[in-house]
Amino acid sequence: MARSETRPVVTIRSTAGTGQSYVTRKNRRNNPDRLVLRKFDPVVGRHVLFREER
């Protein structure tokens, strides 16, 4: 499968300040704004918001 500029790889970092991050892909056409997902942060031990870094 070819890499696409409409679905780039993005890094999302924890808003809890632990430095935990995930790597995911997003569709720029459907989500042009920064991605915000609620994911598990193992350092804190609970789900927190993760925001897209640039």
PDB file of N, CA and C in Angstrom:
ATOM      1  N   MET A   1       0.840  -1.177   0.000  1.00  0.00           N
ATOM      2  CA  MET A   1       0.000   0.000   0.000  1.00  0.00           C
ATOM      3  C   MET A   1       0.889   1.246   0.000  1.00  0.00           C
ATOM      4  N   ALA A   2       0.610   2.178  -0.867  1.00  0.00           N
ATOM      5  CA  ALA A   2       1.427   3.370  -1.000  1.00  0.00           C
ATOM      6  C   ALA A   2       1.137   4.385   0.102  1.00  0.00           C
ATOM      7  N   ARG A   3       2.147   5.147   0.448  1.00  0.00           N
ATOM      8  CA  ARG A   3       1.981   6.232   1.416  1.00  0.00           C
ATOM      9  C   ARG A   3       1.197   7.351   0.752  1.00  0.00           C
ATOM     10  N   SER A   4       0.399   8.034   1.530  1.00  0.00           N
ATOM     11  CA  SER A   4      -0.442   9.068   0.964  1.00  0.00           C
ATOM     12  C   SER A   4      -0.333  10.350   1.772  1.00  0.00           C
ATOM     13  N   GLU A   5      -0.344  11.482   1.099  1.00  0.00           N
ATOM     14  CA  GLU A   5      -0.313  12.777   1.782  1.00  0.00           C
ATOM     15  C   GLU A   5      -1.661  13.125   2.388  1.00  0.00           C
ATOM     16  N   THR A   6      -2.737  12.496   1.931  1.00  0.00           N
ATOM     17  CA  THR A   6      -4.052  12.771   2.521  1.00  0.00           C
ATOM     18  C   THR A   6      -4.232  12.018   3.837  1.00  0.00           C
ATOM     19  N   ARG A   7      -3.392  11.011   4.104  1.00  0.00           N
ATOM     20  CA  ARG A   7      -3.474  10.249   5.356  1.00  0.00           C
ATOM     21  C   ARG A   7      -2.067  10.136   5.958  1.00  0.00           C
ATOM     22  N   PRO A   8      -1.552  11.231   6.540  1.00  0.00           N
ATOM     23  CA  PRO A   8      -0.178  11.226   7.059  1.00  0.00           C
ATOM     24  C   PRO A   8      -0.087  10.569   8.437  1.00  0.00           C
ATOM     25  N   VAL A   9       1.128  10.200   8.805  1.00  0.00           N
ATOM     26  CA  VAL A   9       1.421   9.675  10.128  1.00  0.00           C
ATOM     27  C   VAL A   9       1.547  10.867  11.078  1.00  0.00           C
ATOM     28  N   VAL A  10       0.837  10.823  12.218  1.00  0.00           N
ATOM     29  CA  VAL A  10       0.903  11.902  13.200  1.00  0.00           C
ATOM     30  C   VAL A  10       1.238  11.315  14.573  1.00  0.00           C
ATOM     31  N   THR A  11       1.875  12.128  15.403  1.00  0.00           N
ATOM     32  CA  THR A  11       2.191  11.757  16.774  1.00  0.00           C
ATOM     33  C   THR A  11       1.227  12.472  17.695  1.00  0.00           C
ATOM     34  N   ILE A  12       0.605  11.731  18.613  1.00  0.00           N
ATOM     35  CA  ILE A  12      -0.269  12.353  19.601  1.00  0.00           C
ATOM     36  C   ILE A  12       0.371  12.169  20.972  1.00  0.00           C
ATOM     37  N   ARG A  13       0.464  13.273  21.743  1.00  0.00           N
ATOM     38  CA  ARG A  13       1.142  13.267  23.034  1.00  0.00           C
ATOM     39  C   ARG A  13       0.150  13.534  24.155  1.00  0.00           C
ATOM     40  N   SER A  14       0.393  12.927  25.301  1.00  0.00           N
ATOM     41  CA  SER A  14      -0.493  13.021  26.460  1.00  0.00           C
ATOM     42  C   SER A  14      -0.563  14.448  26.993  1.00  0.00           C
ATOM     43  N   THR A  15      -1.777  14.870  27.365  1.00  0.00           N
ATOM     44  CA  THR A  15      -1.951  16.187  27.974  1.00  0.00           C
ATOM     45  C   THR A  15      -1.685  16.143  29.473  1.00  0.00           C
ATOM     46  N   ALA A  16      -1.438  14.955  30.038  1.00  0.00           N
ATOM     47  CA  ALA A  16      -1.149  14.825  31.468  1.00  0.00           C
ATOM     48  C   ALA A  16       0.288  15.225  31.792  1.00  0.00           C
ATOM     49  N   GLY A  17       1.103  15.453  30.759  1.00  0.00           N
ATOM     50  CA  GLY A  17       2.478  15.887  30.986  1.00  0.00           C
ATOM     51  C   GLY A  17       3.449  14.766  31.307  1.00  0.00           C
ATOM     52  N   THR A  18       3.101  13.542  30.986  1.00  0.00           N
ATOM     53  CA  THR A  18       3.967  12.403  31.288  1.00  0.00           C
ATOM     54  C   THR A  18       4.968  12.121  30.173  1.00  0.00           C
ATOM     55  N   GLY A  19       4.759  12.682  28.994  1.00  0.00           N
ATOM     56  CA  GLY A  19       5.648  12.412  27.873  1.00  0.00           C
ATOM     57  C   GLY A  19       5.259  11.190  27.065  1.00  0.00           C
ATOM     58  N   GLN A  20       4.204  10.512  27.467  1.00  0.00           N
ATOM     59  CA  GLN A  20       3.711   9.334  26.736  1.00  0.00           C
ATOM     60  C   GLN A  20       3.154   9.778  25.388  1.00  0.00           C
ATOM     61  N   SER A  21       3.406   8.982  24.336  1.00  0.00           N
ATOM     62  CA  SER A  21       2.887   9.342  23.022  1.00  0.00           C
ATOM     63  C   SER A  21       2.484   8.094  22.252  1.00  0.00           C
ATOM     64  N   TYR A  22       1.603   8.299  21.291  1.00  0.00           N
ATOM     65  CA  TYR A  22       1.175   7.260  20.354  1.00  0.00           C
ATOM     66  C   TYR A  22       1.427   7.777  18.946  1.00  0.00           C
ATOM     67  N   VAL A  23       1.585   6.857  17.991  1.00  0.00           N
ATOM     68  CA  VAL A  23       1.723   7.211  16.582  1.00  0.00           C
ATOM     69  C   VAL A  23       0.520   6.628  15.863  1.00  0.00           C
ATOM     70  N   THR A  24      -0.155   7.444  15.056  1.00  0.00           N
ATOM     71  CA  THR A  24      -1.342   6.999  14.340  1.00  0.00           C
ATOM     72  C   THR A  24      -1.404   7.702  12.992  1.00  0.00           C
ATOM     73  N   ARG A  25      -2.428   7.393  12.214  1.00  0.00           N
ATOM     74  CA  ARG A  25      -2.657   8.060  10.934  1.00  0.00           C
ATOM     75  C   ARG A  25      -3.981   8.793  11.007  1.00  0.00           C
ATOM     76  N   LYS A  26      -4.103   9.841  10.218  1.00  0.00           N
ATOM     77  CA  LYS A  26      -5.377  10.551  10.166  1.00  0.00           C
ATOM     78  C   LYS A  26      -5.666  10.962   8.733  1.00  0.00           C
ATOM     79  N   ASN A  27      -6.950  11.172   8.445  1.00  0.00           N
ATOM     80  CA  ASN A  27      -7.370  11.610   7.127  1.00  0.00           C
ATOM     81  C   ASN A  27      -7.483  13.127   7.150  1.00  0.00           C
ATOM     82  N   ARG A  28      -6.591  13.810   6.429  1.00  0.00           N
ATOM     83  CA  ARG A  28      -6.587  15.276   6.425  1.00  0.00           C
ATOM     84  C   ARG A  28      -7.843  15.862   5.789  1.00  0.00           C
ATOM     85  N   ARG A  29      -8.428  15.153   4.860  1.00  0.00           N
ATOM     86  CA  ARG A  29      -9.611  15.668   4.190  1.00  0.00           C
ATOM     87  C   ARG A  29     -10.800  15.731   5.148  1.00  0.00           C
ATOM     88  N   ASN A  30     -10.968  14.710   5.988  1.00  0.00           N
ATOM     89  CA  ASN A  30     -12.082  14.680   6.935  1.00  0.00           C
ATOM     90  C   ASN A  30     -11.771  15.400   8.242  1.00  0.00           C
ATOM     91  N   ASN A  31     -10.497  15.421   8.660  1.00  0.00           N
ATOM     92  CA  ASN A  31     -10.087  16.027   9.933  1.00  0.00           C
ATOM     93  C   ASN A  31      -8.928  16.987   9.712  1.00  0.00           C
ATOM     94  N   PRO A  32      -9.197  18.187   9.197  1.00  0.00           N
ATOM     95  CA  PRO A  32      -8.088  19.120   8.940  1.00  0.00           C
ATOM     96  C   PRO A  32      -7.508  19.723  10.216  1.00  0.00           C
ATOM     97  N   ASP A  33      -8.275  19.733  11.311  1.00  0.00           N
ATOM     98  CA  ASP A  33      -7.793  20.295  12.572  1.00  0.00           C
ATOM     99  C   ASP A  33      -6.915  19.274  13.289  1.00  0.00           C
ATOM    100  N   ARG A  34      -6.327  19.716  14.411  1.00  0.00           N
ATOM    101  CA  ARG A  34      -5.499  18.810  15.187  1.00  0.00           C
ATOM    102  C   ARG A  34      -6.335  17.698  15.806  1.00  0.00           C
ATOM    103  N   LEU A  35      -5.789  16.506  15.785  1.00  0.00           N
ATOM    104  CA  LEU A  35      -6.469  15.324  16.287  1.00  0.00           C
ATOM    105  C   LEU A  35      -6.407  15.293  17.816  1.00  0.00           C
ATOM    106  N   VAL A  36      -7.538  14.980  18.461  1.00  0.00           N
ATOM    107  CA  VAL A  36      -7.603  14.807  19.916  1.00  0.00           C
ATOM    108  C   VAL A  36      -8.321  13.492  20.187  1.00  0.00           C
ATOM    109  N   LEU A  37      -7.632  12.563  20.857  1.00  0.00           N
ATOM    110  CA  LEU A  37      -8.200  11.256  21.173  1.00  0.00           C
ATOM    111  C   LEU A  37      -8.047  10.985  22.661  1.00  0.00           C
ATOM    112  N   ARG A  38      -8.970  10.217  23.209  1.00  0.00           N
ATOM    113  CA  ARG A  38      -8.896   9.806  24.608  1.00  0.00           C
ATOM    114  C   ARG A  38      -8.299   8.403  24.626  1.00  0.00           C
ATOM    115  N   LYS A  39      -7.057   8.291  25.108  1.00  0.00           N
ATOM    116  CA  LYS A  39      -6.331   7.021  25.104  1.00  0.00           C
ATOM    117  C   LYS A  39      -5.780   6.752  26.502  1.00  0.00           C
ATOM    118  N   PHE A  40      -5.306   5.522  26.717  1.00  0.00           N
ATOM    119  CA  PHE A  40      -4.774   5.119  28.017  1.00  0.00           C
ATOM    120  C   PHE A  40      -3.336   5.592  28.175  1.00  0.00           C
ATOM    121  N   ASP A  41      -3.045   6.231  29.304  1.00  0.00           N
ATOM    122  CA  ASP A  41      -1.690   6.658  29.641  1.00  0.00           C
ATOM    123  C   ASP A  41      -1.190   5.739  30.760  1.00  0.00           C
ATOM    124  N   PRO A  42      -0.246   4.826  30.471  1.00  0.00           N
ATOM    125  CA  PRO A  42       0.195   3.868  31.484  1.00  0.00           C
ATOM    126  C   PRO A  42       0.941   4.505  32.652  1.00  0.00           C
ATOM    127  N   VAL A  43       1.531   5.673  32.469  1.00  0.00           N
ATOM    128  CA  VAL A  43       2.240   6.340  33.564  1.00  0.00           C
ATOM    129  C   VAL A  43       1.248   6.825  34.607  1.00  0.00           C
ATOM    130  N   VAL A  44       0.139   7.437  34.162  1.00  0.00           N
ATOM    131  CA  VAL A  44      -0.901   7.928  35.064  1.00  0.00           C
ATOM    132  C   VAL A  44      -1.803   6.774  35.506  1.00  0.00           C
ATOM    133  N   GLY A  45      -2.000   5.793  34.629  1.00  0.00           N
ATOM    134  CA  GLY A  45      -2.828   4.641  34.947  1.00  0.00           C
ATOM    135  C   GLY A  45      -4.296   4.842  34.642  1.00  0.00           C
ATOM    136  N   ARG A  46      -4.612   5.793  33.757  1.00  0.00           N
ATOM    137  CA  ARG A  46      -6.006   6.026  33.378  1.00  0.00           C
ATOM    138  C   ARG A  46      -6.055   6.644  31.985  1.00  0.00           C
ATOM    139  N   HIS A  47      -7.258   6.810  31.460  1.00  0.00           N
ATOM    140  CA  HIS A  47      -7.446   7.421  30.153  1.00  0.00           C
ATOM    141  C   HIS A  47      -7.364   8.945  30.277  1.00  0.00           C
ATOM    142  N   VAL A  48      -6.619   9.567  29.363  1.00  0.00           N
ATOM    143  CA  VAL A  48      -6.488  11.019  29.309  1.00  0.00           C
ATOM    144  C   VAL A  48      -6.557  11.458  27.847  1.00  0.00           C
ATOM    145  N   LEU A  49      -6.663  12.749  27.624  1.00  0.00           N
ATOM    146  CA  LEU A  49      -6.673  13.275  26.255  1.00  0.00           C
ATOM    147  C   LEU A  49      -5.256  13.296  25.696  1.00  0.00           C
ATOM    148  N   PHE A  50      -5.155  12.902  24.434  1.00  0.00           N
ATOM    149  CA  PHE A  50      -3.904  12.979  23.690  1.00  0.00           C
ATOM    150  C   PHE A  50      -4.137  13.921  22.525  1.00  0.00           C
ATOM    151  N   ARG A  51      -3.270  14.911  22.360  1.00  0.00           N
ATOM    152  CA  ARG A  51      -3.394  15.896  21.284  1.00  0.00           C
ATOM    153  C   ARG A  51      -2.285  15.721  20.256  1.00  0.00           C
ATOM    154  N   GLU A  52      -2.633  16.036  19.021  1.00  0.00           N
ATOM    155  CA  GLU A  52      -1.682  15.913  17.912  1.00  0.00           C
ATOM    156  C   GLU A  52      -0.569  16.925  18.050  1.00  0.00           C
ATOM    157  N   GLU A  53       0.660  16.473  17.808  1.00  0.00           N
ATOM    158  CA  GLU A  53       1.823  17.357  17.766  1.00  0.00           C
ATOM    159  C   GLU A  53       2.134  17.690  16.319  1.00  0.00           C
ATOM    160  N   ARG A  54       2.826  18.797  16.130  1.00  0.00           N
ATOM    161  CA  ARG A  54       3.280  19.139  14.775  1.00  0.00           C
ATOM    162  C   ARG A  54       4.763  19.371  14.783  1.00  0.00           C
TER     163      ARG A  54
END
